[in-house]
Amino acid sequence: QVQLVESGGGLVQAGRSLTLSCAGRGIIFRNNHMGWYRQAPGKQRELVADISVRGSTNYADSLKGRFTISRDNAKNMVNLQMNSLKPEDTAVYYCNTDPAYFNWGQGTQVTVSS
């Protein structure tokens, strides 16, 4: 059974940075196209960044230059470095395959204050 565990969220001021991490059990991330998603209050969950098996990355247009997705094959983790955070980045962040196939983890809350 696949389990996805996100961590690293918190409350930060606008302009600061956070790094989110996703650990996987029952899944080998390097063999899957992985993504980071987020869901803001009252909004649908959206894909913010993804990384292919080969390591190529894609980002939502509004996030390019601020977010960086990476994969640590040795630790079987997928990370999301978030810089220059804005209040509109406030959301619960999740990882999953892209497209999302497995049950969602609990996510990690990111709150950006102005």
PDB file of N, CA and C in Angstrom:
ATOM      1  N   GLN A   1       0.850  -1.182   0.000  1.00  0.00           N
ATOM      2  CA  GLN A   1       0.000   0.000   0.000  1.00  0.00           C
ATOM      3  C   GLN A   1       0.888   1.236   0.000  1.00  0.00           C
ATOM      4  N   VAL A   2       0.582   2.156  -0.901  1.00  0.00           N
ATOM      5  CA  VAL A   2       1.384   3.357  -1.023  1.00  0.00           C
ATOM      6  C   VAL A   2       0.966   4.372   0.030  1.00  0.00           C
ATOM      7  N   GLN A   3       1.959   4.979   0.660  1.00  0.00           N
ATOM      8  CA  GLN A   3       1.705   6.045   1.625  1.00  0.00           C
ATOM      9  C   GLN A   3       2.589   7.233   1.280  1.00  0.00           C
ATOM     10  N   LEU A   4       1.989   8.387   1.213  1.00  0.00           N
ATOM     11  CA  LEU A   4       2.698   9.632   0.915  1.00  0.00           C
ATOM     12  C   LEU A   4       2.635  10.524   2.137  1.00  0.00           C
ATOM     13  N   VAL A   5       3.796  10.997   2.586  1.00  0.00           N
ATOM     14  CA  VAL A   5       3.860  11.789   3.812  1.00  0.00           C
ATOM     15  C   VAL A   5       4.567  13.101   3.519  1.00  0.00           C
ATOM     16  N   GLU A   6       3.811  14.184   3.620  1.00  0.00           N
ATOM     17  CA  GLU A   6       4.356  15.516   3.365  1.00  0.00           C
ATOM     18  C   GLU A   6       4.741  16.182   4.681  1.00  0.00           C
ATOM     19  N   SER A   7       5.767  17.019   4.608  1.00  0.00           N
ATOM     20  CA  SER A   7       6.219  17.750   5.789  1.00  0.00           C
ATOM     21  C   SER A   7       6.912  19.037   5.365  1.00  0.00           C
ATOM     22  N   GLY A   8       7.153  19.895   6.344  1.00  0.00           N
ATOM     23  CA  GLY A   8       7.924  21.103   6.094  1.00  0.00           C
ATOM     24  C   GLY A   8       7.136  22.393   6.036  1.00  0.00           C
ATOM     25  N   GLY A   9       5.831  22.294   6.106  1.00  0.00           N
ATOM     26  CA  GLY A   9       5.020  23.506   6.047  1.00  0.00           C
ATOM     27  C   GLY A   9       5.136  24.321   7.322  1.00  0.00           C
ATOM     28  N   GLY A  10       4.474  25.466   7.315  1.00  0.00           N
ATOM     29  CA  GLY A  10       4.498  26.321   8.487  1.00  0.00           C
ATOM     30  C   GLY A  10       3.941  27.686   8.184  1.00  0.00           C
ATOM     31  N   LEU A  11       4.097  28.571   9.158  1.00  0.00           N
ATOM     32  CA  LEU A  11       3.646  29.951   9.020  1.00  0.00           C
ATOM     33  C   LEU A  11       4.871  30.821   8.772  1.00  0.00           C
ATOM     34  N   VAL A  12       4.860  31.548   7.657  1.00  0.00           N
ATOM     35  CA  VAL A  12       5.992  32.407   7.322  1.00  0.00           C
ATOM     36  C   VAL A  12       5.488  33.753   6.833  1.00  0.00           C
ATOM     37  N   GLN A  13       6.349  34.729   6.899  1.00  0.00           N
ATOM     38  CA  GLN A  13       6.015  36.048   6.364  1.00  0.00           C
ATOM     39  C   GLN A  13       6.250  36.080   4.853  1.00  0.00           C
ATOM     40  N   ALA A  14       5.528  36.940   4.202  1.00  0.00           N
ATOM     41  CA  ALA A  14       5.707  37.105   2.768  1.00  0.00           C
ATOM     42  C   ALA A  14       7.163  37.433   2.463  1.00  0.00           C
ATOM     43  N   GLY A  15       7.656  36.843   1.380  1.00  0.00           N
ATOM     44  CA  GLY A  15       9.034  37.062   0.972  1.00  0.00           C
ATOM     45  C   GLY A  15      10.021  36.025   1.480  1.00  0.00           C
ATOM     46  N   ARG A  16       9.585  35.250   2.460  1.00  0.00           N
ATOM     47  CA  ARG A  16      10.468  34.225   3.010  1.00  0.00           C
ATOM     48  C   ARG A  16      10.374  32.938   2.204  1.00  0.00           C
ATOM     49  N   SER A  17      11.149  31.932   2.645  1.00  0.00           N
ATOM     50  CA  SER A  17      11.230  30.660   1.927  1.00  0.00           C
ATOM     51  C   SER A  17      10.850  29.490   2.815  1.00  0.00           C
ATOM     52  N   LEU A  18      10.430  28.428   2.178  1.00  0.00           N
ATOM     53  CA  LEU A  18      10.156  27.157   2.844  1.00  0.00           C
ATOM     54  C   LEU A  18      10.545  26.031   1.904  1.00  0.00           C
ATOM     55  N   THR A  19      10.941  24.915   2.484  1.00  0.00           N
ATOM     56  CA  THR A  19      11.192  23.714   1.696  1.00  0.00           C
ATOM     57  C   THR A  19      10.277  22.603   2.203  1.00  0.00           C
ATOM     58  N   LEU A  20       9.486  22.077   1.311  1.00  0.00           N
ATOM     59  CA  LEU A  20       8.589  20.975   1.632  1.00  0.00           C
ATOM     60  C   LEU A  20       9.241  19.661   1.209  1.00  0.00           C
ATOM     61  N   SER A  21       8.926  18.619   1.941  1.00  0.00           N
ATOM     62  CA  SER A  21       9.450  17.301   1.614  1.00  0.00           C
ATOM     63  C   SER A  21       8.318  16.295   1.567  1.00  0.00           C
ATOM     64  N   CYS A  22       8.482  15.322   0.695  1.00  0.00           N
ATOM     65  CA  CYS A  22       7.514  14.237   0.580  1.00  0.00           C
ATOM     66  C   CYS A  22       8.271  12.926   0.656  1.00  0.00           C
ATOM     67  N   ALA A  23       7.887  12.102   1.599  1.00  0.00           N
ATOM     68  CA  ALA A  23       8.468  10.767   1.732  1.00  0.00           C
ATOM     69  C   ALA A  23       7.446   9.742   1.255  1.00  0.00           C
ATOM     70  N   GLY A  24       7.943   8.702   0.621  1.00  0.00           N
ATOM     71  CA  GLY A  24       7.037   7.696   0.088  1.00  0.00           C
ATOM     72  C   GLY A  24       7.319   6.323   0.657  1.00  0.00           C
ATOM     73  N   ARG A  25       6.247   5.598   0.938  1.00  0.00           N
ATOM     74  CA  ARG A  25       6.350   4.201   1.349  1.00  0.00           C
ATOM     75  C   ARG A  25       5.544   3.379   0.366  1.00  0.00           C
ATOM     76  N   GLY A  26       6.166   2.319  -0.136  1.00  0.00           N
ATOM     77  CA  GLY A  26       5.478   1.479  -1.104  1.00  0.00           C
ATOM     78  C   GLY A  26       5.551   2.012  -2.510  1.00  0.00           C
ATOM     79  N   ILE A  27       6.368   3.017  -2.734  1.00  0.00           N
ATOM     80  CA  ILE A  27       6.514   3.617  -4.059  1.00  0.00           C
ATOM     81  C   ILE A  27       7.949   4.079  -4.213  1.00  0.00           C
ATOM     82  N   ILE A  28       8.494   3.888  -5.382  1.00  0.00           N
ATOM     83  CA  ILE A  28       9.839   4.365  -5.699  1.00  0.00           C
ATOM     84  C   ILE A  28       9.681   5.613  -6.546  1.00  0.00           C
ATOM     85  N   PHE A  29      10.004   6.762  -5.992  1.00  0.00           N
ATOM     86  CA  PHE A  29       9.749   8.018  -6.669  1.00  0.00           C
ATOM     87  C   PHE A  29      10.507   8.138  -7.985  1.00  0.00           C
ATOM     88  N   ARG A  30      11.718   7.606  -8.064  1.00  0.00           N
ATOM     89  CA  ARG A  30      12.515   7.792  -9.285  1.00  0.00           C
ATOM     90  C   ARG A  30      11.899   7.036 -10.472  1.00  0.00           C
ATOM     91  N   ASN A  31      10.994   6.130 -10.188  1.00  0.00           N
ATOM     92  CA  ASN A  31      10.327   5.373 -11.254  1.00  0.00           C
ATOM     93  C   ASN A  31       8.984   5.966 -11.651  1.00  0.00           C
ATOM     94  N   ASN A  32       8.651   7.110 -11.055  1.00  0.00           N
ATOM     95  CA  ASN A  32       7.345   7.716 -11.289  1.00  0.00           C
ATOM     96  C   ASN A  32       7.471   9.194 -11.612  1.00  0.00           C
ATOM     97  N   HIS A  33       6.514   9.664 -12.387  1.00  0.00           N
ATOM     98  CA  HIS A  33       6.391  11.097 -12.649  1.00  0.00           C
ATOM     99  C   HIS A  33       5.663  11.681 -11.443  1.00  0.00           C
ATOM    100  N   MET A  34       6.349  12.522 -10.700  1.00  0.00           N
ATOM    101  CA  MET A  34       5.825  13.013  -9.425  1.00  0.00           C
ATOM    102  C   MET A  34       5.449  14.478  -9.503  1.00  0.00           C
ATOM    103  N   GLY A  35       4.503  14.838  -8.661  1.00  0.00           N
ATOM    104  CA  GLY A  35       4.074  16.227  -8.653  1.00  0.00           C
ATOM    105  C   GLY A  35       3.809  16.742  -7.257  1.00  0.00           C
ATOM    106  N   TRP A  36       3.912  18.041  -7.112  1.00  0.00           N
ATOM    107  CA  TRP A  36       3.443  18.733  -5.921  1.00  0.00           C
ATOM    108  C   TRP A  36       2.163  19.475  -6.306  1.00  0.00           C
ATOM    109  N   TYR A  37       1.183  19.357  -5.433  1.00  0.00           N
ATOM    110  CA  TYR A  37      -0.116  19.981  -5.639  1.00  0.00           C
ATOM    111  C   TYR A  37      -0.410  20.874  -4.439  1.00  0.00           C
ATOM    112  N   ARG A  38      -1.362  21.753  -4.623  1.00  0.00           N
ATOM    113  CA  ARG A  38      -1.814  22.537  -3.483  1.00  0.00           C
ATOM    114  C   ARG A  38      -3.303  22.808  -3.588  1.00  0.00           C
ATOM    115  N   GLN A  39      -3.910  22.991  -2.443  1.00  0.00           N
ATOM    116  CA  GLN A  39      -5.327  23.316  -2.394  1.00  0.00           C
ATOM    117  C   GLN A  39      -5.529  24.453  -1.416  1.00  0.00           C
ATOM    118  N   ALA A  40      -5.938  25.580  -1.953  1.00  0.00           N
ATOM    119  CA  ALA A  40      -6.226  26.739  -1.122  1.00  0.00           C
ATOM    120  C   ALA A  40      -7.678  26.670  -0.651  1.00  0.00           C
ATOM    121  N   PRO A  41      -7.999  27.349   0.427  1.00  0.00           N
ATOM    122  CA  PRO A  41      -9.379  27.331   0.927  1.00  0.00           C
ATOM    123  C   PRO A  41     -10.374  27.747  -0.139  1.00  0.00           C
ATOM    124  N   GLY A  42     -11.397  26.911  -0.325  1.00  0.00           N
ATOM    125  CA  GLY A  42     -12.443  27.216  -1.278  1.00  0.00           C
ATOM    126  C   GLY A  42     -12.072  27.013  -2.728  1.00  0.00           C
ATOM    127  N   LYS A  43     -10.894  26.456  -2.987  1.00  0.00           N
ATOM    128  CA  LYS A  43     -10.447  26.257  -4.363  1.00  0.00           C
ATOM    129  C   LYS A  43     -10.145  24.794  -4.627  1.00  0.00           C
ATOM    130  N   GLN A  44     -10.103  24.442  -5.894  1.00  0.00           N
ATOM    131  CA  GLN A  44      -9.749  23.080  -6.273  1.00  0.00           C
ATOM    132  C   GLN A  44      -8.256  22.840  -6.114  1.00  0.00           C
ATOM    133  N   ARG A  45      -7.920  21.596  -5.931  1.00  0.00           N
ATOM    134  CA  ARG A  45      -6.515  21.239  -5.860  1.00  0.00           C
ATOM    135  C   ARG A  45      -5.889  21.457  -7.231  1.00  0.00           C
ATOM    136  N   GLU A  46      -4.672  21.982  -7.248  1.00  0.00           N
ATOM    137  CA  GLU A  46      -4.001  22.262  -8.505  1.00  0.00           C
ATOM    138  C   GLU A  46      -2.566  21.738  -8.461  1.00  0.00           C
ATOM    139  N   LEU A  47      -2.072  21.379  -9.626  1.00  0.00           N
ATOM    140  CA  LEU A  47      -0.696  20.937  -9.774  1.00  0.00           C
ATOM    141  C   LEU A  47       0.198  22.169  -9.846  1.00  0.00           C
ATOM    142  N   VAL A  48       1.224  22.223  -9.009  1.00  0.00           N
ATOM    143  CA  VAL A  48       2.105  23.390  -9.032  1.00  0.00           C
ATOM    144  C   VAL A  48       3.458  23.081  -9.655  1.00  0.00           C
ATOM    145  N   ALA A  49       3.905  21.835  -9.558  1.00  0.00           N
ATOM    146  CA  ALA A  49       5.202  21.475 -10.132  1.00  0.00           C
ATOM    147  C   ALA A  49       5.251  19.971 -10.318  1.00  0.00           C
ATOM    148  N   ASP A  50       5.986  19.524 -11.319  1.00  0.00           N
ATOM    149  CA  ASP A  50       6.157  18.098 -11.508  1.00  0.00           C
ATOM    150  C   ASP A  50       7.564  17.804 -11.989  1.00  0.00           C
ATOM    151  N   ILE A  51       7.972  16.556 -11.758  1.00  0.00           N
ATOM    152  CA  ILE A  51       9.304  16.117 -12.164  1.00  0.00           C
ATOM    153  C   ILE A  51       9.180  14.743 -12.792  1.00  0.00           C
ATOM    154  N   SER A  52       9.754  14.584 -13.967  1.00  0.00           N
ATOM    155  CA  SER A  52       9.633  13.328 -14.694  1.00  0.00           C
ATOM    156  C   SER A  52      10.651  12.311 -14.201  1.00  0.00           C
ATOM    157  N   VAL A  53      10.518  11.103 -14.706  1.00  0.00           N
ATOM    158  CA  VAL A  53      11.472  10.050 -14.362  1.00  0.00           C
ATOM    159  C   VAL A  53      12.879  10.483 -14.763  1.00  0.00           C
ATOM    160  N   ARG A  54      12.990  11.178 -15.871  1.00  0.00           N
ATOM    161  CA  ARG A  54      14.293  11.624 -16.345  1.00  0.00           C
ATOM    162  C   ARG A  54      14.790  12.867 -15.638  1.00  0.00           C
ATOM    163  N   GLY A  55      13.927  13.478 -14.831  1.00  0.00           N
ATOM    164  CA  GLY A  55      14.360  14.642 -14.070  1.00  0.00           C
ATOM    165  C   GLY A  55      13.969  15.981 -14.659  1.00  0.00           C
ATOM    166  N   SER A  56      13.258  15.976 -15.766  1.00  0.00           N
ATOM    167  CA  SER A  56      12.801  17.245 -16.312  1.00  0.00           C
ATOM    168  C   SER A  56      11.656  17.773 -15.459  1.00  0.00           C
ATOM    169  N   THR A  57      11.570  19.083 -15.365  1.00  0.00           N
ATOM    170  CA  THR A  57      10.605  19.704 -14.462  1.00  0.00           C
ATOM    171  C   THR A  57       9.685  20.663 -15.200  1.00  0.00           C
ATOM    172  N   ASN A  58       8.510  20.839 -14.648  1.00  0.00           N
ATOM    173  CA  ASN A  58       7.533  21.794 -15.157  1.00  0.00           C
ATOM    174  C   ASN A  58       6.881  22.494 -13.982  1.00  0.00           C
ATOM    175  N   TYR A  59       6.460  23.724 -14.232  1.00  0.00           N
ATOM    176  CA  TYR A  59       5.857  24.519 -13.174  1.00  0.00           C
ATOM    177  C   TYR A  59       4.625  25.247 -13.695  1.00  0.00           C
ATOM    178  N   ALA A  60       3.707  25.492 -12.773  1.00  0.00           N
ATOM    179  CA  ALA A  60       2.594  26.362 -13.115  1.00  0.00           C
ATOM    180  C   ALA A  60       3.166  27.724 -13.501  1.00  0.00           C
ATOM    181  N   ASP A  61       2.565  28.336 -14.505  1.00  0.00           N
ATOM    182  CA  ASP A  61       3.108  29.584 -15.045  1.00  0.00           C
ATOM    183  C   ASP A  61       3.308  30.652 -13.970  1.00  0.00           C
ATOM    184  N   SER A  62       2.384  30.695 -13.033  1.00  0.00           N
ATOM    185  CA  SER A  62       2.440  31.751 -12.018  1.00  0.00           C
ATOM    186  C   SER A  62       3.551  31.534 -11.006  1.00  0.00           C
ATOM    187  N   LEU A  63       4.165  30.347 -11.032  1.00  0.00           N
ATOM    188  CA  LEU A  63       5.155  30.018 -10.013  1.00  0.00           C
ATOM    189  C   LEU A  63       6.573  29.940 -10.541  1.00  0.00           C
ATOM    190  N   LYS A  64       6.713  30.015 -11.848  1.00  0.00           N
ATOM    191  CA  LYS A  64       8.038  29.882 -12.434  1.00  0.00           C
ATOM    192  C   LYS A  64       9.004  30.905 -11.853  1.00  0.00           C
ATOM    193  N   GLY A  65      10.174  30.395 -11.499  1.00  0.00           N
ATOM    194  CA  GLY A  65      11.195  31.254 -10.932  1.00  0.00           C
ATOM    195  C   GLY A  65      11.159  31.342  -9.421  1.00  0.00           C
ATOM    196  N   ARG A  66      10.069  30.936  -8.812  1.00  0.00           N
ATOM    197  CA  ARG A  66       9.977  30.994  -7.346  1.00  0.00           C
ATOM    198  C   ARG A  66      10.029  29.606  -6.712  1.00  0.00           C
ATOM    199  N   PHE A  67       9.483  28.607  -7.374  1.00  0.00           N
ATOM    200  CA  PHE A  67       9.436  27.252  -6.825  1.00  0.00           C
ATOM    201  C   PHE A  67      10.386  26.349  -7.601  1.00  0.00           C
ATOM    202  N   THR A  68      10.994  25.411  -6.901  1.00  0.00           N
ATOM    203  CA  THR A  68      11.872  24.425  -7.524  1.00  0.00           C
ATOM    204  C   THR A  68      11.553  23.047  -6.967  1.00  0.00           C
ATOM    205  N   ILE A  69      11.228  22.130  -7.851  1.00  0.00           N
ATOM    206  CA  ILE A  69      10.965  20.748  -7.443  1.00  0.00           C
ATOM    207  C   ILE A  69      12.230  19.939  -7.676  1.00  0.00           C
ATOM    208  N   SER A  70      12.512  19.023  -6.764  1.00  0.00           N
ATOM    209  CA  SER A  70      13.690  18.170  -6.905  1.00  0.00           C
ATOM    210  C   SER A  70      13.382  16.800  -6.312  1.00  0.00           C
ATOM    211  N   ARG A  71      14.229  15.866  -6.637  1.00  0.00           N
ATOM    212  CA  ARG A  71      14.032  14.496  -6.159  1.00  0.00           C
ATOM    213  C   ARG A  71      15.350  13.986  -5.578  1.00  0.00           C
ATOM    214  N   ASP A  72      15.274  13.367  -4.442  1.00  0.00           N
ATOM    215  CA  ASP A  72      16.435  12.745  -3.803  1.00  0.00           C
ATOM    216  C   ASP A  72      16.251  11.243  -3.914  1.00  0.00           C
ATOM    217  N   ASN A  73      16.906  10.640  -4.886  1.00  0.00           N
ATOM    218  CA  ASN A  73      16.708   9.214  -5.136  1.00  0.00           C
ATOM    219  C   ASN A  73      17.216   8.358  -3.977  1.00  0.00           C
ATOM    220  N   ALA A  74      18.294   8.770  -3.352  1.00  0.00           N
ATOM    221  CA  ALA A  74      18.864   7.986  -2.258  1.00  0.00           C
ATOM    222  C   ALA A  74      17.909   7.907  -1.074  1.00  0.00           C
ATOM    223  N   LYS A  75      17.201   9.015  -0.819  1.00  0.00           N
ATOM    224  CA  LYS A  75      16.275   9.050   0.317  1.00  0.00           C
ATOM    225  C   LYS A  75      14.843   8.756  -0.106  1.00  0.00           C
ATOM    226  N   ASN A  76      14.611   8.608  -1.406  1.00  0.00           N
ATOM    227  CA  ASN A  76      13.265   8.414  -1.928  1.00  0.00           C
ATOM    228  C   ASN A  76      12.340   9.532  -1.450  1.00  0.00           C
ATOM    229  N   MET A  77      12.755  10.748  -1.753  1.00  0.00           N
ATOM    230  CA  MET A  77      11.966  11.917  -1.372  1.00  0.00           C
ATOM    231  C   MET A  77      11.844  12.868  -2.549  1.00  0.00           C
ATOM    232  N   VAL A  78      10.780  13.620  -2.544  1.00  0.00           N
ATOM    233  CA  VAL A  78      10.576  14.700  -3.510  1.00  0.00           C
ATOM    234  C   VAL A  78      10.403  15.979  -2.710  1.00  0.00           C
ATOM    235  N   ASN A  79      11.136  16.998  -3.096  1.00  0.00           N
ATOM    236  CA  ASN A  79      11.128  18.257  -2.349  1.00  0.00           C
ATOM    237  C   ASN A  79      10.594  19.403  -3.205  1.00  0.00           C
ATOM    238  N   LEU A  80      10.129  20.420  -2.511  1.00  0.00           N
ATOM    239  CA  LEU A  80       9.670  21.632  -3.190  1.00  0.00           C
ATOM    240  C   LEU A  80      10.255  22.823  -2.442  1.00  0.00           C
ATOM    241  N   GLN A  81      11.190  23.491  -3.081  1.00  0.00           N
ATOM    242  CA  GLN A  81      11.769  24.708  -2.526  1.00  0.00           C
ATOM    243  C   GLN A  81      10.907  25.876  -2.971  1.00  0.00           C
ATOM    244  N   MET A  82      10.419  26.639  -2.015  1.00  0.00           N
ATOM    245  CA  MET A  82       9.529  27.755  -2.323  1.00  0.00           C
ATOM    246  C   MET A  82      10.174  29.045  -1.832  1.00  0.00           C
ATOM    247  N   ASN A  83      10.451  29.936  -2.750  1.00  0.00           N
ATOM    248  CA  ASN A  83      11.073  31.222  -2.425  1.00  0.00           C
ATOM    249  C   ASN A  83      10.104  32.363  -2.678  1.00  0.00           C
ATOM    250  N   SER A  84      10.418  33.485  -2.078  1.00  0.00           N
ATOM    251  CA  SER A  84       9.617  34.705  -2.283  1.00  0.00           C
ATOM    252  C   SER A  84       8.129  34.420  -2.119  1.00  0.00           C
ATOM    253  N   LEU A  85       7.802  33.777  -1.031  1.00  0.00           N
ATOM    254  CA  LEU A  85       6.414  33.360  -0.810  1.00  0.00           C
ATOM    255  C   LEU A  85       5.483  34.556  -0.728  1.00  0.00           C
ATOM    256  N   LYS A  86       4.277  34.337  -1.219  1.00  0.00           N
ATOM    257  CA  LYS A  86       3.237  35.366  -1.241  1.00  0.00           C
ATOM    258  C   LYS A  86       2.021  34.855  -0.463  1.00  0.00           C
ATOM    259  N   PRO A  87       1.196  35.764   0.040  1.00  0.00           N
ATOM    260  CA  PRO A  87      -0.013  35.311   0.744  1.00  0.00           C
ATOM    261  C   PRO A  87      -0.874  34.373  -0.095  1.00  0.00           C
ATOM    262  N   GLU A  88      -0.890  34.566  -1.392  1.00  0.00           N
ATOM    263  CA  GLU A  88      -1.703  33.698  -2.246  1.00  0.00           C
ATOM    264  C   GLU A  88      -1.132  32.293  -2.392  1.00  0.00           C
ATOM    265  N   ASP A  89       0.065  32.054  -1.854  1.00  0.00           N
ATOM    266  CA  ASP A  89       0.614  30.694  -1.824  1.00  0.00           C
ATOM    267  C   ASP A  89       0.069  29.897  -0.639  1.00  0.00           C
ATOM    268  N   THR A  90      -0.693  30.541   0.209  1.00  0.00           N
ATOM    269  CA  THR A  90      -1.286  29.856   1.349  1.00  0.00           C
ATOM    270  C   THR A  90      -2.187  28.730   0.880  1.00  0.00           C
ATOM    271  N   ALA A  91      -1.900  27.520   1.348  1.00  0.00           N
ATOM    272  CA  ALA A  91      -2.648  26.331   0.913  1.00  0.00           C
ATOM    273  C   ALA A  91      -2.122  25.121   1.670  1.00  0.00           C
ATOM    274  N   VAL A  92      -2.825  24.019   1.505  1.00  0.00           N
ATOM    275  CA  VAL A  92      -2.293  22.726   1.932  1.00  0.00           C
ATOM    276  C   VAL A  92      -1.597  22.122   0.723  1.00  0.00           C
ATOM    277  N   TYR A  93      -0.361  21.695   0.916  1.00  0.00           N
ATOM    278  CA  TYR A  93       0.453  21.170  -0.172  1.00  0.00           C
ATOM    279  C   TYR A  93       0.549  19.648  -0.051  1.00  0.00           C
ATOM    280  N   TYR A  94       0.410  18.988  -1.185  1.00  0.00           N
ATOM    281  CA  TYR A  94       0.420  17.528  -1.266  1.00  0.00           C
ATOM    282  C   TYR A  94       1.381  17.072  -2.360  1.00  0.00           C
ATOM    283  N   CYS A  95       1.863  15.851  -2.221  1.00  0.00           N
ATOM    284  CA  CYS A  95       2.573  15.236  -3.330  1.00  0.00           C
ATOM    285  C   CYS A  95       1.797  14.009  -3.782  1.00  0.00           C
ATOM    286  N   ASN A  96       2.006  13.642  -5.025  1.00  0.00           N
ATOM    287  CA  ASN A  96       1.378  12.466  -5.601  1.00  0.00           C
ATOM    288  C   ASN A  96       2.029  12.253  -6.956  1.00  0.00           C
ATOM    289  N   THR A  97       1.680  11.181  -7.599  1.00  0.00           N
ATOM    290  CA  THR A  97       2.132  11.019  -8.971  1.00  0.00           C
ATOM    291  C   THR A  97       1.410  12.061  -9.834  1.00  0.00           C
ATOM    292  N   ASP A  98       1.910  12.245 -11.043  1.00  0.00           N
ATOM    293  CA  ASP A  98       1.275  13.134 -11.996  1.00  0.00           C
ATOM    294  C   ASP A  98       1.005  12.345 -13.263  1.00  0.00           C
ATOM    295  N   PRO A  99      -0.261  12.046 -13.583  1.00  0.00           N
ATOM    296  CA  PRO A  99      -1.457  12.444 -12.837  1.00  0.00           C
ATOM    297  C   PRO A  99      -1.583  11.710 -11.509  1.00  0.00           C
ATOM    298  N   ALA A 100      -2.348  12.275 -10.603  1.00  0.00           N
ATOM    299  CA  ALA A 100      -2.497  11.714  -9.264  1.00  0.00           C
ATOM    300  C   ALA A 100      -3.206  10.367  -9.335  1.00  0.00           C
ATOM    301  N   TYR A 101      -2.540   9.362  -8.749  1.00  0.00           N
ATOM    302  CA  TYR A 101      -3.086   8.000  -8.827  1.00  0.00           C
ATOM    303  C   TYR A 101      -3.364   7.419  -7.444  1.00  0.00           C
ATOM    304  N   PHE A 102      -2.528   7.766  -6.489  1.00  0.00           N
ATOM    305  CA  PHE A 102      -2.637   7.152  -5.170  1.00  0.00           C
ATOM    306  C   PHE A 102      -3.472   8.004  -4.226  1.00  0.00           C
ATOM    307  N   ASN A 103      -3.843   7.394  -3.105  1.00  0.00           N
ATOM    308  CA  ASN A 103      -4.579   8.144  -2.089  1.00  0.00           C
ATOM    309  C   ASN A 103      -3.740   9.322  -1.619  1.00  0.00           C
ATOM    310  N   TRP A 104      -4.392  10.428  -1.367  1.00  0.00           N
ATOM    311  CA  TRP A 104      -3.701  11.622  -0.908  1.00  0.00           C
ATOM    312  C   TRP A 104      -3.221  11.445   0.531  1.00  0.00           C
ATOM    313  N   GLY A 105      -2.059  12.012   0.807  1.00  0.00           N
ATOM    314  CA  GLY A 105      -1.586  12.058   2.176  1.00  0.00           C
ATOM    315  C   GLY A 105      -2.313  13.148   2.947  1.00  0.00           C
ATOM    316  N   GLN A 106      -1.818  13.446   4.127  1.00  0.00           N
ATOM    317  CA  GLN A 106      -2.480  14.453   4.949  1.00  0.00           C
ATOM    318  C   GLN A 106      -2.123  15.871   4.501  1.00  0.00           C
ATOM    319  N   GLY A 107      -1.086  15.997   3.698  1.00  0.00           N
ATOM    320  CA  GLY A 107      -0.641  17.306   3.242  1.00  0.00           C
ATOM    321  C   GLY A 107       0.102  18.058   4.328  1.00  0.00           C
ATOM    322  N   THR A 108       0.652  19.185   3.938  1.00  0.00           N
ATOM    323  CA  THR A 108       1.332  20.055   4.890  1.00  0.00           C
ATOM    324  C   THR A 108       0.872  21.488   4.649  1.00  0.00           C
ATOM    325  N   GLN A 109       0.467  22.141   5.720  1.00  0.00           N
ATOM    326  CA  GLN A 109      -0.121  23.477   5.617  1.00  0.00           C
ATOM    327  C   GLN A 109       0.970  24.531   5.483  1.00  0.00           C
ATOM    328  N   VAL A 110       0.813  25.369   4.489  1.00  0.00           N
ATOM    329  CA  VAL A 110       1.680  26.536   4.315  1.00  0.00           C
ATOM    330  C   VAL A 110       0.814  27.777   4.448  1.00  0.00           C
ATOM    331  N   THR A 111       1.173  28.632   5.363  1.00  0.00           N
ATOM    332  CA  THR A 111       0.447  29.881   5.566  1.00  0.00           C
ATOM    333  C   THR A 111       1.436  31.032   5.442  1.00  0.00           C
ATOM    334  N   VAL A 112       1.129  31.937   4.530  1.00  0.00           N
ATOM    335  CA  VAL A 112       2.007  33.078   4.286  1.00  0.00           C
ATOM    336  C   VAL A 112       1.285  34.345   4.721  1.00  0.00           C
ATOM    337  N   SER A 113       1.865  35.020   5.674  1.00  0.00           N
ATOM    338  CA  SER A 113       1.260  36.258   6.176  1.00  0.00           C
ATOM    339  C   SER A 113       1.833  37.465   5.444  1.00  0.00           C
ATOM    340  N   SER A 114       1.001  38.473   5.312  1.00  0.00           N
ATOM    341  CA  SER A 114       1.434  39.679   4.589  1.00  0.00           C
ATOM    342  C   SER A 114       2.118  40.666   5.522  1.00  0.00           C
TER     343      SER A 114
END
